[in-house]
Amino acid sequence: MTKKNKKTVTCIDCEEKTDNFYPVPNNRGTLYKCKECYELSLTRSCRNEYSYRDIHYIANAIKN
C-alpha cells in the first residue's frame, strides 16, 4: 500500500503550517484555518449570536 501525501496549508489566523485544517469559503476563493483556530472562531461566533439574541429579547420584553 502506498501512503497518500497529506496536503499542508498555512492557517490564515495563526500563520502556521498544518495538515489538520478546515476550508473556509470566501468570495475570493477558499481560505484555510487550522483546527484550533476554526473551532475557536466558531465558538466565539456562537457566543456573540446568543448574546445578541438575548439583548433583543430583553429589549422587546421591555417594550411590551
Protein backbone atom coordinates (compact mmCIF):
# COMPACT_ATOMS: atom_id res chain seq x y z
CA MET A 1 0.00 0.00 0.00
CA THR A 2 1.17 3.46 -0.74
CA LYS A 3 0.58 6.35 1.60
CA LYS A 4 -1.19 9.42 0.31
CA ASN A 5 0.62 12.68 0.76
CA LYS A 6 -1.28 14.94 3.11
CA LYS A 7 -1.90 18.45 1.90
CA THR A 8 -0.18 21.05 4.05
CA VAL A 9 -1.61 24.56 4.18
CA THR A 10 -0.92 27.76 6.08
CA CYS A 11 -3.59 28.92 8.53
CA ILE A 12 -4.85 32.45 7.82
CA ASP A 13 -5.16 33.29 11.53
CA CYS A 14 -2.04 31.91 13.22
CA GLU A 15 0.05 31.57 10.03
CA GLU A 16 1.35 28.11 10.98
CA LYS A 17 1.60 25.23 8.53
CA THR A 18 -0.73 22.33 9.28
CA ASP A 19 -2.26 19.25 7.71
CA ASN A 20 -5.28 19.34 10.05
CA PHE A 21 -7.40 22.17 8.63
CA TYR A 22 -10.84 23.36 7.57
CA PRO A 23 -11.55 25.09 4.25
CA VAL A 24 -13.34 28.41 4.71
CA PRO A 25 -15.21 29.63 1.60
CA ASN A 26 -14.71 33.25 0.70
CA ASN A 27 -15.83 35.44 -2.19
CA ARG A 28 -12.23 35.40 -3.47
CA GLY A 29 -11.73 31.65 -3.17
CA THR A 30 -11.07 29.19 -0.39
CA LEU A 31 -9.05 30.07 2.69
CA TYR A 32 -7.81 27.57 5.25
CA LYS A 33 -7.87 27.62 9.05
CA CYS A 34 -6.21 25.10 11.33
CA LYS A 35 -8.47 23.04 13.57
CA GLU A 36 -7.77 25.08 16.71
CA CYS A 37 -8.39 28.48 15.07
CA TYR A 38 -11.52 27.27 13.28
CA GLU A 39 -13.09 25.84 16.44
CA LEU A 40 -12.17 28.95 18.43
CA SER A 41 -13.76 31.27 15.85
CA LEU A 42 -16.86 29.06 15.71
CA THR A 43 -17.19 29.20 19.50
CA ARG A 44 -16.80 32.97 19.50
CA SER A 45 -19.38 33.50 16.74
CA CYS A 46 -21.94 31.31 18.53
CA ARG A 47 -21.34 33.16 21.78
CA ASN A 48 -21.89 36.50 20.01
CA GLU A 49 -25.12 35.29 18.40
CA TYR A 50 -26.53 34.19 21.77
CA SER A 51 -25.68 37.48 23.49
CA TYR A 52 -27.07 39.47 20.55
CA ARG A 53 -30.31 37.47 20.64
CA ASP A 54 -30.62 37.99 24.41
CA ILE A 55 -30.26 41.76 24.01
CA HIS A 56 -33.14 41.88 21.51
CA TYR A 57 -35.26 39.55 23.63
CA ILE A 58 -34.86 41.80 26.68
CA ALA A 59 -35.47 44.99 24.63
CA ASN A 60 -38.69 43.55 23.16
CA ALA A 61 -39.86 42.42 26.60
CA ILE A 62 -39.36 45.93 28.00
CA LYS A 63 -41.42 47.47 25.18
CA ASN A 64 -44.43 45.26 25.95
